[in-house]
Protein backbone atom coordinates (compact mmCIF):
# COMPACT_ATOMS: atom_id res chain seq x y z
CA UNK A 1 12.87 -3.80 -5.96
CA UNK A 2 10.95 -4.56 -2.92
CA UNK A 3 7.31 -3.73 -2.22
CA UNK A 4 8.48 -1.26 0.35
CA UNK A 5 10.73 0.49 -1.97
CA UNK A 6 7.85 0.73 -4.37
CA UNK A 7 5.51 2.17 -1.85
CA UNK A 8 8.21 4.86 -1.16
CA UNK A 9 8.54 5.78 -4.73
CA UNK A 10 4.84 6.05 -4.97
CA UNK A 11 4.83 8.37 -1.88
CA UNK A 12 7.66 10.43 -3.44
CA UNK A 13 5.80 10.77 -6.70
CA UNK A 14 2.52 11.70 -5.06
CA UNK A 15 3.92 14.55 -2.94
CA UNK A 16 6.05 16.00 -5.92
CA UNK A 17 2.89 16.13 -8.01
CA UNK A 18 0.79 17.67 -5.48
CA UNK A 19 3.51 20.12 -4.52
CA UNK A 20 2.46 22.91 -6.86
CA UNK A 21 -1.52 22.34 -6.57
CA UNK A 22 -1.58 21.75 -10.10
CA UNK A 23 -1.67 18.67 -12.22
CA UNK A 24 -0.73 19.06 -15.78
CA UNK A 25 -1.61 16.33 -18.23
CA UNK A 26 2.13 16.04 -19.25
CA UNK A 27 2.76 15.31 -15.32
CA UNK A 28 0.14 12.60 -15.46
CA UNK A 29 1.56 11.05 -18.45
CA UNK A 30 5.05 11.06 -17.08
CA UNK A 31 4.00 9.68 -13.82
CA UNK A 32 2.28 6.89 -15.48
CA UNK A 33 5.35 5.86 -17.47
CA UNK A 34 7.14 6.07 -14.11
CA UNK A 35 4.61 3.87 -12.58
CA UNK A 36 4.80 1.36 -15.32
CA UNK A 37 8.72 1.37 -15.20
CA UNK A 38 8.77 0.41 -11.28
CA UNK A 39 5.71 -1.69 -11.71
CA UNK A 40 3.66 0.41 -9.06
CA UNK A 41 0.05 -0.65 -8.46
CA UNK A 42 -2.71 1.06 -7.27
CA UNK A 43 -2.12 -1.00 -4.12
CA UNK A 44 1.13 0.44 -3.68
CA UNK A 45 -0.43 3.93 -4.23
CA UNK A 46 -3.03 3.63 -1.57
CA UNK A 47 -0.62 2.40 0.89
CA UNK A 48 1.77 5.37 0.02
CA UNK A 49 -1.12 7.80 1.29
CA UNK A 50 -0.57 6.47 4.67
CA UNK A 51 3.14 6.68 5.31
CA UNK A 52 5.11 9.50 6.09
CA UNK A 53 7.46 11.39 3.45
CA UNK A 54 10.40 10.89 5.61
CA UNK A 55 9.89 7.32 5.93
CA UNK A 56 9.96 6.89 2.23
CA UNK A 57 12.90 8.92 1.94
CA UNK A 58 14.81 6.68 4.58
CA UNK A 59 13.59 3.49 2.41
CA UNK A 60 15.06 4.92 -0.63
CA UNK A 61 18.40 5.33 1.17
CA UNK A 62 18.66 1.37 0.40
CA UNK A 63 18.70 1.73 -3.11
CA UNK A 64 21.91 1.59 -4.96
CA UNK A 65 23.46 4.68 -6.17
CA UNK A 66 22.71 3.90 -9.76
CA UNK A 67 19.01 3.27 -8.79
CA UNK A 68 18.81 6.37 -6.74
CA UNK A 69 20.32 8.36 -9.76
CA UNK A 70 17.87 6.84 -12.26
CA UNK A 71 14.86 7.64 -9.79
CA UNK A 72 16.27 11.16 -9.34
CA UNK A 73 16.44 11.91 -13.18
CA UNK A 74 12.69 10.36 -13.85
CA UNK A 75 11.36 12.33 -10.92
CA UNK A 76 13.28 15.65 -12.24
CA UNK A 77 11.77 14.84 -15.50
CA UNK A 78 8.21 15.10 -13.90
CA UNK A 79 9.01 18.11 -11.99
CA UNK A 80 9.59 19.91 -15.29
CA UNK A 81 6.78 18.36 -17.20
CA UNK A 82 4.57 21.36 -16.69
CA UNK A 83 7.12 23.73 -17.72
CA UNK A 84 7.69 25.07 -14.22
CA UNK A 85 9.56 23.64 -11.33
CA UNK A 86 8.64 25.38 -8.06
CA UNK A 87 10.57 25.32 -4.96
CA UNK A 88 8.16 23.29 -3.44
CA UNK A 89 8.58 20.63 -6.01
CA UNK A 90 12.42 20.45 -5.64
């Protein structure tokens, strides 16, 4: 996985968790697992603050179908971590 792809994943994670304005402890734990899985560092997270969400999505289009499906499943798990998946998280 490229550095650019890791930054894009970091952007998606940041935006999804912020979407409901509440960050539940279970979301934090699931996010930490996801960051570890993709070896996303604080540097990636810092850069992710500065890129547009649309650009992150375009970068992630280059992942293989399997990689996209795995990422989708992991992000879906985070969206349900607090017991609620709001439309802003979907």
